[in-house]
Amino acid sequence: MSLFSAIVPCYNEQENVSDIYDEILKNQSYFEEKNIEVEILYVDDGSSDQTVNMVKELTKKDSRVHLLSFSRNFGKEAAIYAGLCEAKGDYVAVMDADLQDPPSLLPKMFDAIFEEGYDSCATRRVSRKGEPPIRSFFARKFYKLMRKISKTEIMDGARDYRLMTRQMVDAIVSVREYNRFSKGIFGWVGYKTKWLEFENVERRKGETKWSFWSLVMYSFEGIMAFSTVPLSIASFCGFFFCIVAFIALIFVIIRALIFGDPVSGWPSLVSIIIFIGGIQLLCLGILGKYLSKVYLEVKNRPIYIVKERI
């Protein structure tokens, strides 16, 4: 029999712990038909509610349930990586505990691997019903931008929810970078992937832990992790303004030779200086962000610290 590992990252998801367990096991008849054993690995990302205790109750009831608990909140990316490192399955899936990643899709995902020869079956939302309009707008713009500036395939509406073979999981685990962006890493390692489309499913219980600002910062992480275009933009701005300054200098010299050296034009001069200074600070900021990523990488700190393992 082959082993299937379901990785469920959790952060303050006490209301959904039992529900996601029940939904996964609703596919038990399919698993038995395909001779698949199941393990469910909850990765607790430093929750402050009763998430850990709820999972512990499940481990007592079902030996197929496992718990990996962090010493503090390290973020969802660290939880996904920890789950992939711990999972023993021949096939591994990552899914959110809030049931926005429907476990009912698992049979179709397995069929894509068993019958169609794919290494991975990933999911993407074809609608964003229930999301705030401004969040949906910026999300679409982010994916559109990433397709233009990155060589890594990142589909519009892509979820972290995907089923992968052991070979692909091992490849992802081998990417040990500290600043992680899983959607990009999944595409970067390659392998043959089928995209499974589904309508957006709203969170069943509780509230999302992702604010608009945290999503914006997460998008910046993705851009810097899989594109050097911002650095090219900074270089282009520097080159462009050098040319503008040279032309302006020639203009000032010619005007002084023909009309003398009038003192008018100070407001425009100050505006130009402030504008160019702003561009310089922007470019320095871009360089600083990339340098900060290098700084975090070279310190070689662990991506996560395990407090408890059951």
Protein backbone atom coordinates (compact mmCIF):
# COMPACT_ATOMS: atom_id res chain seq x y z
CA MET A 1 0.00 0.00 0.00
CA SER A 2 1.12 3.56 -0.67
CA LEU A 3 1.03 6.26 2.00
CA PHE A 4 -0.68 9.62 1.62
CA SER A 5 0.36 12.51 3.89
CA ALA A 6 -2.02 15.44 4.34
CA ILE A 7 -0.21 18.51 5.72
CA VAL A 8 -2.46 20.98 7.52
CA PRO A 9 -0.73 24.21 8.68
CA CYS A 10 -2.64 25.76 11.59
CA TYR A 11 -2.56 29.10 13.35
CA ASN A 12 -5.41 29.69 15.82
CA GLU A 13 -7.71 27.25 14.00
CA GLN A 14 -9.34 25.51 16.97
CA GLU A 15 -12.76 25.79 15.31
CA ASN A 16 -11.64 23.97 12.16
CA VAL A 17 -9.29 21.26 13.42
CA SER A 18 -11.99 18.58 13.69
CA ASP A 19 -13.81 19.67 10.54
CA ILE A 20 -10.78 19.33 8.25
CA TYR A 21 -10.09 15.89 9.78
CA ASP A 22 -13.65 14.76 9.04
CA GLU A 23 -13.59 16.15 5.50
CA ILE A 24 -10.33 14.38 4.61
CA LEU A 25 -11.64 11.04 5.88
CA LYS A 26 -14.83 11.38 3.85
CA ASN A 27 -12.61 10.11 1.02
CA GLN A 28 -11.86 6.89 2.94
CA SER A 29 -13.71 4.66 0.45
CA TYR A 30 -11.59 6.07 -2.37
CA PHE A 31 -8.39 5.55 -0.37
CA GLU A 32 -9.35 1.93 0.34
CA GLU A 33 -10.16 1.34 -3.32
CA LYS A 34 -6.73 2.64 -4.35
CA ASN A 35 -4.88 0.88 -1.48
CA ILE A 36 -3.82 4.17 0.07
CA GLU A 37 -3.03 4.57 3.76
CA VAL A 38 -3.49 8.05 5.25
CA GLU A 39 -1.61 10.18 7.74
CA ILE A 40 -2.76 13.68 8.72
CA LEU A 41 0.00 15.98 9.92
CA TYR A 42 -1.09 19.14 11.71
CA VAL A 43 1.64 21.78 11.88
CA ASP A 44 0.83 24.26 14.64
CA ASP A 45 2.44 27.62 13.95
CA GLY A 46 2.57 28.90 17.53
CA SER A 47 -1.19 29.14 18.08
CA SER A 48 -2.42 31.01 21.17
CA ASP A 49 -5.83 29.28 21.32
CA GLN A 50 -6.75 25.61 21.88
CA THR A 51 -5.55 24.36 18.50
CA VAL A 52 -2.79 22.18 19.97
CA ASN A 53 -5.12 20.62 22.57
CA MET A 54 -7.73 19.91 19.90
CA VAL A 55 -5.15 18.12 17.75
CA LYS A 56 -3.89 16.16 20.75
CA GLU A 57 -7.41 14.85 21.32
CA LEU A 58 -7.45 13.64 17.70
CA THR A 59 -4.07 11.90 18.12
CA LYS A 60 -5.51 9.95 21.06
CA LYS A 61 -8.50 8.89 18.99
CA ASP A 62 -6.71 8.14 15.71
CA SER A 63 -3.10 7.00 15.35
CA ARG A 64 -3.05 8.38 11.81
CA VAL A 65 -3.06 11.93 13.19
CA HIS A 66 0.28 13.59 14.01
CA LEU A 67 1.20 16.95 15.52
CA LEU A 68 4.20 19.18 14.96
CA SER A 69 4.10 22.25 17.20
CA PHE A 70 6.43 25.27 16.83
CA SER A 71 8.02 27.15 19.74
CA ARG A 72 6.50 30.39 18.36
CA ASN A 73 4.83 31.77 15.26
CA PHE A 74 7.24 31.35 12.33
CA GLY A 75 4.70 31.96 9.55
CA LYS A 76 2.79 29.80 7.12
CA GLU A 77 5.77 29.31 4.80
CA ALA A 78 7.79 27.77 7.62
CA ALA A 79 4.82 25.55 8.53
CA ILE A 80 4.52 24.29 4.95
CA TYR A 81 8.23 23.55 4.78
CA ALA A 82 8.19 21.76 8.15
CA GLY A 83 5.27 19.62 7.03
CA LEU A 84 7.03 18.65 3.82
CA CYS A 85 10.15 17.73 5.79
CA GLU A 86 8.19 15.59 8.26
CA ALA A 87 5.77 13.92 5.84
CA LYS A 88 6.60 10.27 5.10
CA GLY A 89 4.03 9.73 2.37
CA ASP A 90 4.57 8.56 -1.20
CA TYR A 91 2.07 11.31 -2.04
CA VAL A 92 1.83 14.55 -0.12
CA ALA A 93 -0.81 17.29 -0.12
CA VAL A 94 -0.76 20.72 1.53
CA MET A 95 -4.14 22.18 2.49
CA ASP A 96 -5.41 24.99 4.69
CA ALA A 97 -7.26 24.15 7.88
CA ASP A 98 -10.03 26.66 7.13
CA LEU A 99 -11.53 24.34 4.45
CA GLN A 100 -11.03 26.87 1.67
CA ASP A 101 -9.04 24.03 0.10
CA PRO A 102 -11.81 21.41 -0.36
CA PRO A 103 -10.63 17.88 0.56
CA SER A 104 -13.41 16.62 -1.74
CA LEU A 105 -11.05 17.38 -4.65
CA LEU A 106 -8.52 14.77 -3.51
CA PRO A 107 -9.89 11.90 -5.66
CA LYS A 108 -9.61 14.04 -8.80
CA MET A 109 -6.09 15.07 -7.79
CA PHE A 110 -5.03 11.46 -7.25
CA ASP A 111 -6.54 10.47 -10.61
CA ALA A 112 -4.44 13.12 -12.33
CA ILE A 113 -1.31 11.44 -10.95
CA PHE A 114 -2.37 7.80 -11.22
CA GLU A 115 -4.14 7.87 -14.58
CA GLU A 116 -2.74 10.88 -16.42
CA GLY A 117 0.90 10.62 -15.39
CA TYR A 118 1.31 14.00 -13.71
CA ASP A 119 3.84 14.59 -10.91
CA SER A 120 1.60 17.12 -9.23
CA CYS A 121 -1.99 18.31 -9.27
CA ALA A 122 -2.37 21.92 -8.18
CA THR A 123 -5.50 23.99 -7.62
CA ARG A 124 -6.49 27.49 -8.67
CA ARG A 125 -9.58 29.54 -7.98
CA VAL A 126 -11.51 30.71 -11.02
CA SER A 127 -13.56 33.15 -8.95
CA ARG A 128 -13.04 35.22 -5.81
CA LYS A 129 -16.64 35.35 -4.65
CA GLY A 130 -16.84 36.50 -1.05
CA GLU A 131 -13.52 38.36 -1.07
CA PRO A 132 -13.34 42.16 -0.69
CA PRO A 133 -13.18 43.70 -4.20
CA ILE A 134 -9.98 45.64 -3.50
CA ARG A 135 -8.19 42.45 -2.36
CA SER A 136 -9.33 40.60 -5.49
CA PHE A 137 -8.18 43.47 -7.71
CA PHE A 138 -4.67 43.63 -6.27
CA ALA A 139 -4.36 39.82 -6.21
CA ARG A 140 -5.04 39.63 -9.96
CA LYS A 141 -2.57 42.45 -10.61
CA PHE A 142 0.07 40.65 -8.55
CA TYR A 143 -0.22 37.41 -10.54
CA LYS A 144 -0.21 39.35 -13.81
CA LEU A 145 2.93 41.20 -12.73
CA MET A 146 4.67 38.00 -11.62
CA ARG A 147 4.04 36.35 -14.99
CA LYS A 148 5.76 39.28 -16.70
CA ILE A 149 8.80 39.76 -14.48
CA SER A 150 9.51 36.17 -13.39
CA LYS A 151 10.53 33.07 -15.31
CA THR A 152 8.75 30.90 -12.73
CA GLU A 153 5.21 29.75 -13.53
CA ILE A 154 2.73 31.23 -11.04
CA MET A 155 -0.88 30.84 -12.13
CA ASP A 156 -3.56 33.44 -11.41
CA GLY A 157 -5.61 32.28 -8.43
CA ALA A 158 -3.09 29.57 -7.51
CA ARG A 159 -3.48 28.04 -4.07
CA ASP A 160 -0.88 26.29 -1.94
CA TYR A 161 -3.27 23.31 -2.08
CA ARG A 162 -1.68 20.65 -4.26
CA LEU A 163 -0.93 16.94 -4.32
CA MET A 164 2.64 15.93 -5.12
CA THR A 165 4.69 12.80 -5.63
CA ARG A 166 7.53 11.95 -3.28
CA GLN A 167 10.08 12.91 -5.94
CA MET A 168 8.68 16.44 -6.21
CA VAL A 169 8.44 16.81 -2.43
CA ASP A 170 12.09 15.83 -2.03
CA ALA A 171 13.04 18.44 -4.62
CA ILE A 172 11.12 21.15 -2.73
CA VAL A 173 12.64 20.15 0.61
CA SER A 174 16.11 20.45 -0.94
CA VAL A 175 15.43 24.17 -1.53
CA ARG A 176 16.48 25.35 1.92
CA GLU A 177 16.31 29.13 1.48
CA TYR A 178 15.19 31.10 4.54
CA ASN A 179 13.02 33.60 2.66
CA ARG A 180 10.42 31.22 1.25
CA PHE A 181 7.60 31.76 -1.23
CA SER A 182 6.06 28.35 -1.79
CA LYS A 183 3.98 29.23 -4.84
CA GLY A 184 7.18 30.23 -6.60
CA ILE A 185 9.19 27.26 -5.32
CA PHE A 186 6.52 24.82 -6.54
CA GLY A 187 6.90 26.26 -10.03
CA TRP A 188 10.68 26.62 -9.88
CA VAL A 189 11.38 22.92 -9.17
CA GLY A 190 9.44 22.05 -12.32
CA TYR A 191 7.77 18.64 -12.83
CA LYS A 192 4.61 17.99 -14.81
CA THR A 193 1.68 19.73 -13.12
CA LYS A 194 -2.04 19.63 -13.83
CA TRP A 195 -4.11 22.64 -12.76
CA LEU A 196 -7.49 21.85 -11.26
CA GLU A 197 -9.93 24.77 -11.27
CA PHE A 198 -12.63 25.30 -8.64
CA GLU A 199 -14.99 28.01 -7.44
CA ASN A 200 -13.88 30.01 -4.43
CA VAL A 201 -14.94 28.47 -1.12
CA GLU A 202 -15.40 30.82 1.81
CA ARG A 203 -13.88 30.07 5.20
CA ARG A 204 -16.23 27.82 7.16
CA LYS A 205 -15.48 29.11 10.66
CA GLY A 206 -13.35 31.79 12.27
CA GLU A 207 -11.66 34.78 10.67
CA THR A 208 -8.76 34.98 8.26
CA LYS A 209 -5.33 35.75 9.74
CA TRP A 210 -4.27 37.59 6.57
CA SER A 211 -4.87 41.34 6.60
CA PHE A 212 -4.64 43.40 3.42
CA TRP A 213 -1.28 44.82 4.50
CA SER A 214 0.17 41.39 5.32
CA LEU A 215 -0.85 40.19 1.84
CA VAL A 216 0.86 43.22 0.28
CA MET A 217 4.07 42.45 2.17
CA TYR A 218 3.78 38.78 1.20
CA SER A 219 3.52 39.79 -2.47
CA PHE A 220 6.72 41.82 -2.11
CA GLU A 221 8.39 38.71 -0.72
CA GLY A 222 7.32 36.77 -3.78
CA ILE A 223 8.55 39.43 -6.21
CA MET A 224 11.97 39.68 -4.58
CA ALA A 225 12.30 35.90 -4.22
CA PHE A 226 11.73 35.13 -7.90
CA SER A 227 12.63 38.25 -9.86
CA THR A 228 15.54 40.67 -10.14
CA VAL A 229 13.56 43.09 -12.30
CA PRO A 230 13.26 45.68 -9.46
CA LEU A 231 17.06 45.89 -9.43
CA SER A 232 17.02 46.43 -13.19
CA ILE A 233 14.46 49.20 -12.75
CA ALA A 234 16.74 50.91 -10.22
CA SER A 235 19.66 50.70 -12.67
CA PHE A 236 17.50 52.02 -15.51
CA CYS A 237 16.32 54.97 -13.40
CA GLY A 238 19.93 55.86 -12.56
CA PHE A 239 20.99 55.67 -16.21
CA PHE A 240 17.94 57.66 -17.39
CA PHE A 241 18.47 60.50 -14.94
CA CYS A 242 22.18 60.69 -15.77
CA ILE A 243 21.17 61.37 -19.38
CA VAL A 244 18.54 63.91 -18.29
CA ALA A 245 21.11 65.67 -16.08
CA PHE A 246 23.63 65.80 -18.94
CA ILE A 247 21.04 67.32 -21.31
CA ALA A 248 19.98 69.80 -18.63
CA LEU A 249 23.61 70.80 -18.08
CA ILE A 250 24.09 71.51 -21.79
CA PHE A 251 20.85 73.52 -21.80
CA VAL A 252 21.99 75.62 -18.80
CA ILE A 253 25.38 76.34 -20.44
CA ILE A 254 23.81 77.38 -23.76
CA ARG A 255 21.21 79.55 -22.01
CA ALA A 256 23.89 81.27 -19.94
CA LEU A 257 25.97 82.01 -23.06
CA ILE A 258 23.01 83.48 -24.94
CA PHE A 259 20.90 85.17 -22.25
CA GLY A 260 23.29 85.57 -19.37
CA ASP A 261 22.68 83.92 -15.99
CA PRO A 262 19.25 84.92 -14.68
CA VAL A 263 18.29 83.84 -11.15
CA SER A 264 14.69 82.90 -11.97
CA GLY A 265 13.54 79.30 -11.88
CA TRP A 266 14.32 78.40 -8.28
CA PRO A 267 10.94 76.68 -7.59
CA SER A 268 11.34 74.38 -10.58
CA LEU A 269 14.95 73.70 -9.64
CA VAL A 270 14.02 72.72 -6.10
CA SER A 271 11.20 70.49 -7.42
CA ILE A 272 13.62 68.71 -9.75
CA ILE A 273 16.13 68.19 -6.93
CA ILE A 274 13.45 66.74 -4.64
CA PHE A 275 12.16 64.48 -7.42
CA ILE A 276 15.59 63.11 -8.29
CA GLY A 277 16.37 62.70 -4.57
CA GLY A 278 13.18 60.68 -4.20
CA ILE A 279 14.17 58.42 -7.10
CA GLN A 280 17.57 57.87 -5.51
CA LEU A 281 16.00 56.94 -2.17
CA LEU A 282 13.62 54.56 -3.95
CA CYS A 283 16.52 52.82 -5.68
CA LEU A 284 18.44 52.61 -2.40
CA GLY A 285 15.34 51.14 -0.78
CA ILE A 286 15.12 48.43 -3.45
CA LEU A 287 18.80 47.60 -3.00
CA GLY A 288 18.31 47.57 0.77
CA LYS A 289 15.46 45.05 0.56
CA TYR A 290 17.53 42.64 -1.53
CA LEU A 291 20.50 43.15 0.79
CA SER A 292 18.32 42.38 3.81
CA LYS A 293 17.33 39.07 2.19
CA VAL A 294 21.00 38.21 1.70
CA TYR A 295 21.65 39.16 5.34
CA LEU A 296 18.97 36.77 6.59
CA GLU A 297 20.22 33.96 4.35
CA VAL A 298 23.88 34.18 5.40
CA LYS A 299 22.97 34.10 9.11
CA ASN A 300 21.75 30.56 8.41
CA ARG A 301 19.15 30.50 11.18
CA PRO A 302 16.73 27.55 11.25
CA ILE A 303 13.50 28.10 9.34
CA TYR A 304 11.50 26.79 12.31
CA ILE A 305 11.99 25.36 15.81
CA VAL A 306 9.92 22.41 16.98
CA LYS A 307 8.57 22.56 20.53
CA GLU A 308 6.56 19.34 20.51
CA ARG A 309 6.20 16.37 18.17
CA ILE A 310 3.50 13.71 18.54
